[in-house]
N, C-alpha and C. Protein backbone atom coordinates (compact mmCIF):
# COMPACT_ATOMS: atom_id res chain seq x y z
N MET A 1 30.15 -0.10 17.23
CA MET A 1 29.29 1.08 16.54
C MET A 1 27.44 0.91 17.18
N PRO A 2 27.09 2.07 17.52
CA PRO A 2 25.81 1.84 17.77
C PRO A 2 24.87 2.32 16.46
N GLU A 3 23.68 1.10 16.68
CA GLU A 3 22.88 1.40 15.62
C GLU A 3 22.20 2.52 15.41
N PRO A 4 21.78 3.28 14.13
CA PRO A 4 20.83 4.47 13.96
C PRO A 4 19.56 4.24 14.72
N GLN A 5 19.37 5.53 15.16
CA GLN A 5 17.87 5.58 15.93
C GLN A 5 16.76 5.75 14.80
N LEU A 6 15.51 5.03 15.10
CA LEU A 6 14.39 5.31 14.41
C LEU A 6 13.49 6.58 14.85
N SER A 7 13.05 7.43 14.12
CA SER A 7 12.16 8.49 14.85
C SER A 7 10.78 8.17 14.46
N VAL A 8 10.11 8.12 15.21
CA VAL A 8 8.46 7.76 14.95
C VAL A 8 7.64 8.93 15.12
N ARG A 9 6.97 9.43 14.81
CA ARG A 9 6.06 10.58 15.19
C ARG A 9 4.89 9.87 15.28
N SER A 10 4.44 9.06 15.22
CA SER A 10 3.00 8.30 15.50
C SER A 10 3.24 7.78 16.85
N SER A 11 2.42 8.22 17.78
CA SER A 11 2.78 7.59 19.50
C SER A 11 2.18 6.18 19.23
N LYS A 12 1.00 6.18 18.19
CA LYS A 12 0.36 4.75 18.51
C LYS A 12 1.35 3.72 17.63
N ALA A 13 2.09 4.20 16.52
CA ALA A 13 3.00 3.30 15.76
C ALA A 13 4.13 2.88 16.88
N LEU A 14 4.59 4.05 17.95
CA LEU A 14 5.57 3.78 18.56
C LEU A 14 5.26 2.77 19.80
N LYS A 15 4.24 2.80 20.33
CA LYS A 15 3.57 2.10 21.21
C LYS A 15 3.41 0.64 20.68
N LEU A 16 2.80 0.52 19.73
CA LEU A 16 2.74 -0.99 18.79
C LEU A 16 3.93 -1.76 18.76
N ALA A 17 4.92 -0.79 18.20
CA ALA A 17 6.20 -1.21 18.02
C ALA A 17 6.94 -1.91 19.38
N HIS A 18 6.72 -1.07 20.43
CA HIS A 18 7.45 -1.41 21.65
C HIS A 18 6.39 -2.76 22.20
N LEU A 19 5.31 -2.78 22.05
CA LEU A 19 4.46 -3.76 22.37
C LEU A 19 4.67 -5.08 21.57
N LEU A 20 5.16 -4.95 20.46
CA LEU A 20 5.63 -6.26 19.61
C LEU A 20 6.81 -6.92 20.07
N ALA A 21 7.75 -5.79 20.12
CA ALA A 21 9.20 -6.18 20.43
C ALA A 21 8.99 -6.77 21.75
N LYS A 22 8.36 -6.37 22.97
CA LYS A 22 8.08 -6.89 24.05
C LYS A 22 7.72 -8.36 24.04
N LYS A 23 6.71 -8.63 23.28
CA LYS A 23 5.95 -9.64 23.08
C LYS A 23 6.72 -10.85 22.37
N GLU A 24 7.74 -10.30 21.43
CA GLU A 24 8.33 -11.22 20.45
C GLU A 24 9.84 -11.39 21.16
N ARG A 25 10.20 -10.68 21.95
CA ARG A 25 11.41 -10.68 22.46
C ARG A 25 12.51 -10.27 21.67
N ARG A 26 12.32 -9.17 20.65
CA ARG A 26 12.89 -8.54 19.81
C ARG A 26 13.31 -7.17 20.13
N THR A 27 14.11 -6.60 19.28
CA THR A 27 14.06 -5.52 19.35
C THR A 27 13.09 -4.36 18.69
N VAL A 28 13.02 -3.13 18.95
CA VAL A 28 11.92 -2.40 18.08
C VAL A 28 12.80 -2.39 16.62
N ALA A 29 13.88 -2.38 16.38
CA ALA A 29 14.53 -2.14 15.02
C ALA A 29 14.14 -3.52 14.34
N GLN A 30 13.99 -4.63 15.24
CA GLN A 30 13.92 -5.94 14.44
C GLN A 30 12.40 -6.01 13.94
N VAL A 31 11.53 -5.64 14.59
CA VAL A 31 10.13 -5.45 14.66
C VAL A 31 9.69 -4.52 13.26
N VAL A 32 10.25 -3.61 13.35
CA VAL A 32 10.18 -2.59 12.19
C VAL A 32 10.75 -3.32 10.86
N GLU A 33 11.95 -3.47 11.13
CA GLU A 33 12.48 -4.27 9.70
C GLU A 33 11.65 -5.32 9.25
N ARG A 34 11.36 -5.86 10.19
CA ARG A 34 10.14 -7.12 9.62
C ARG A 34 9.13 -6.82 9.11
N ALA A 35 8.37 -5.64 9.54
CA ALA A 35 7.26 -5.39 9.18
C ALA A 35 7.29 -4.52 7.64
N LEU A 36 8.51 -3.64 7.81
CA LEU A 36 8.46 -3.05 6.59
C LEU A 36 8.95 -3.98 5.41
N GLU A 37 9.64 -5.27 5.58
CA GLU A 37 9.81 -6.22 4.56
C GLU A 37 8.73 -6.89 4.06
N LEU A 38 7.82 -7.21 4.90
CA LEU A 38 6.58 -7.79 4.53
C LEU A 38 5.45 -7.23 3.97
N TYR A 39 5.76 -5.60 4.13
CA TYR A 39 4.99 -4.80 3.50
C TYR A 39 5.42 -4.54 2.12
N ALA A 40 6.72 -4.48 2.07
CA ALA A 40 7.42 -4.53 0.69
C ALA A 40 7.17 -5.55 -0.41
N HIS A 41 6.93 -6.75 0.17
CA HIS A 41 6.93 -7.74 -0.47
C HIS A 41 5.60 -8.10 -0.88
N GLU A 42 4.49 -7.58 0.07
CA GLU A 42 3.12 -7.88 -0.01
C GLU A 42 2.67 -6.95 -0.96
N GLU A 43 2.96 -5.58 -0.58
CA GLU A 43 2.57 -4.59 -1.35
C GLU A 43 2.68 -4.69 -2.86
N PRO A 44 1.64 -4.63 -3.98
CA PRO A 44 1.80 -4.89 -5.30
C PRO A 44 2.41 -3.70 -5.68
N GLN A 45 3.50 -3.84 -6.67
CA GLN A 45 4.00 -2.71 -7.44
C GLN A 45 3.03 -2.02 -8.31
N ARG A 46 3.19 -0.57 -8.31
CA ARG A 46 2.37 0.10 -8.90
C ARG A 46 2.73 0.34 -10.28
N GLU A 47 2.11 -0.07 -11.22
CA GLU A 47 2.33 0.43 -12.66
C GLU A 47 2.80 1.75 -13.45
N ALA A 48 3.83 1.97 -13.74
CA ALA A 48 4.44 3.22 -14.47
C ALA A 48 3.40 3.72 -15.20
N ALA A 49 3.36 5.12 -15.34
CA ALA A 49 2.19 5.80 -16.08
C ALA A 49 2.38 5.34 -17.35
N PRO A 50 3.45 5.73 -18.24
CA PRO A 50 3.41 5.18 -19.48
C PRO A 50 3.21 3.76 -19.81
N ASP A 51 3.61 2.68 -18.98
CA ASP A 51 3.15 1.37 -19.20
C ASP A 51 1.64 1.04 -19.02
N PHE A 52 1.22 1.79 -18.35
CA PHE A 52 -0.61 1.72 -17.91
C PHE A 52 -0.98 2.31 -19.34
N TYR A 53 -0.55 3.33 -19.93
CA TYR A 53 -1.39 4.14 -21.00
C TYR A 53 -0.79 3.02 -22.55
N ALA A 54 0.31 2.47 -22.26
CA ALA A 54 0.77 1.31 -23.49
C ALA A 54 -0.27 0.38 -23.37
N ARG A 55 -0.44 -0.19 -21.94
CA ARG A 55 -1.33 -1.31 -22.06
C ARG A 55 -2.96 -0.91 -22.39
N LEU A 56 -3.29 0.39 -22.17
CA LEU A 56 -4.49 0.45 -22.46
C LEU A 56 -4.72 0.56 -23.96
N SER A 57 -3.67 1.28 -24.62
CA SER A 57 -3.74 1.33 -26.14
C SER A 57 -3.53 -0.09 -26.44
N ARG A 58 -2.92 -0.66 -26.19
CA ARG A 58 -2.81 -2.20 -26.86
C ARG A 58 -3.97 -2.71 -26.82
N ASP A 59 -4.88 -2.91 -25.45
CA ASP A 59 -6.08 -3.42 -25.22
C ASP A 59 -7.12 -3.34 -25.62
N TYR A 60 -7.23 -1.69 -25.84
CA TYR A 60 -8.56 -1.15 -26.40
C TYR A 60 -8.57 -0.56 -27.67
N GLY A 61 -7.34 -0.46 -28.11
CA GLY A 61 -6.98 0.52 -29.47
C GLY A 61 -6.58 1.82 -29.14
N THR A 62 -6.20 2.58 -30.43
CA THR A 62 -5.70 3.99 -29.70
C THR A 62 -6.68 4.93 -29.54
N ASP A 63 -7.84 4.69 -30.05
CA ASP A 63 -8.70 6.06 -29.42
C ASP A 63 -10.03 5.27 -28.35
N LEU A 64 -9.35 5.77 -27.33
CA LEU A 64 -9.92 5.18 -26.03
C LEU A 64 -10.86 6.22 -25.17
N ASP A 65 -12.07 6.07 -24.95
CA ASP A 65 -12.80 6.93 -24.34
C ASP A 65 -12.91 6.60 -22.78
N LEU A 66 -12.09 7.24 -21.86
CA LEU A 66 -11.52 6.64 -20.45
C LEU A 66 -12.72 6.84 -19.83
N ASP A 67 -13.64 7.81 -19.85
CA ASP A 67 -14.90 8.19 -19.20
C ASP A 67 -15.98 6.80 -19.62
N ALA A 68 -15.86 6.42 -20.69
CA ALA A 68 -16.76 5.37 -20.88
C ALA A 68 -16.24 4.15 -20.28
N LEU A 69 -15.09 4.14 -20.16
CA LEU A 69 -14.34 2.83 -19.89
C LEU A 69 -14.68 2.81 -18.30
N ILE A 70 -14.67 3.78 -17.59
CA ILE A 70 -14.91 3.92 -16.01
C ILE A 70 -16.33 3.81 -15.78
N ARG A 71 -17.30 4.61 -16.63
CA ARG A 71 -18.72 4.09 -16.42
C ARG A 71 -19.18 2.57 -16.64
N GLU A 72 -18.61 1.94 -17.47
CA GLU A 72 -18.82 0.50 -17.51
C GLU A 72 -18.70 -0.30 -16.29
N ASP A 73 -17.63 0.24 -15.50
CA ASP A 73 -17.25 -0.89 -14.15
C ASP A 73 -17.94 -0.27 -13.11
N ARG A 74 -18.89 0.88 -13.15
CA ARG A 74 -19.36 1.73 -11.89
C ARG A 74 -20.51 0.79 -11.64
N LYS A 75 -20.76 0.63 -10.37
CA LYS A 75 -22.15 -0.12 -9.87
C LYS A 75 -22.47 1.04 -8.76
N PRO A 76 -23.67 1.37 -9.18
CA PRO A 76 -24.55 2.50 -7.78
C PRO A 76 -24.34 1.55 -6.56
N ASN A 77 -24.30 2.74 -5.87
CA ASN A 77 -24.04 2.06 -4.17
C ASN A 77 -25.64 2.46 -3.87
N SER A 78 -26.08 0.97 -3.10
CA SER A 78 -27.64 1.24 -2.86
C SER A 78 -27.94 1.89 -1.58
N GLY A 79 -26.74 2.13 -0.75
CA GLY A 79 -26.77 2.81 0.44
C GLY A 79 -27.40 2.09 1.62
N PHE A 80 -27.55 2.79 2.49
CA PHE A 80 -27.93 2.10 3.76
C PHE A 80 -29.51 1.51 3.71
N ASP A 81 -29.72 0.46 4.33
CA ASP A 81 -31.37 0.26 4.55
C ASP A 81 -31.92 0.72 5.93
N LEU A 82 -32.48 1.65 5.62
CA LEU A 82 -33.16 2.57 7.09
C LEU A 82 -34.47 1.82 7.48
């Protein structure tokens, strides 16, 4: 049974996949699968919104000023030295 075909719309991604497959002596499908597995493993999982708000409420109390919390962590960008 033939393997399913992968459709890639990005010519850059397609060229890179073919280049890596040739370099590693693997199929393009194997290269893509390996890359996606690594991405899934290394990419941190996003926190669900209800969990995020529950954690905020638990850590900072029920009356939380998000604007003040954001302002606390903001650091001005000094810009470029010209």
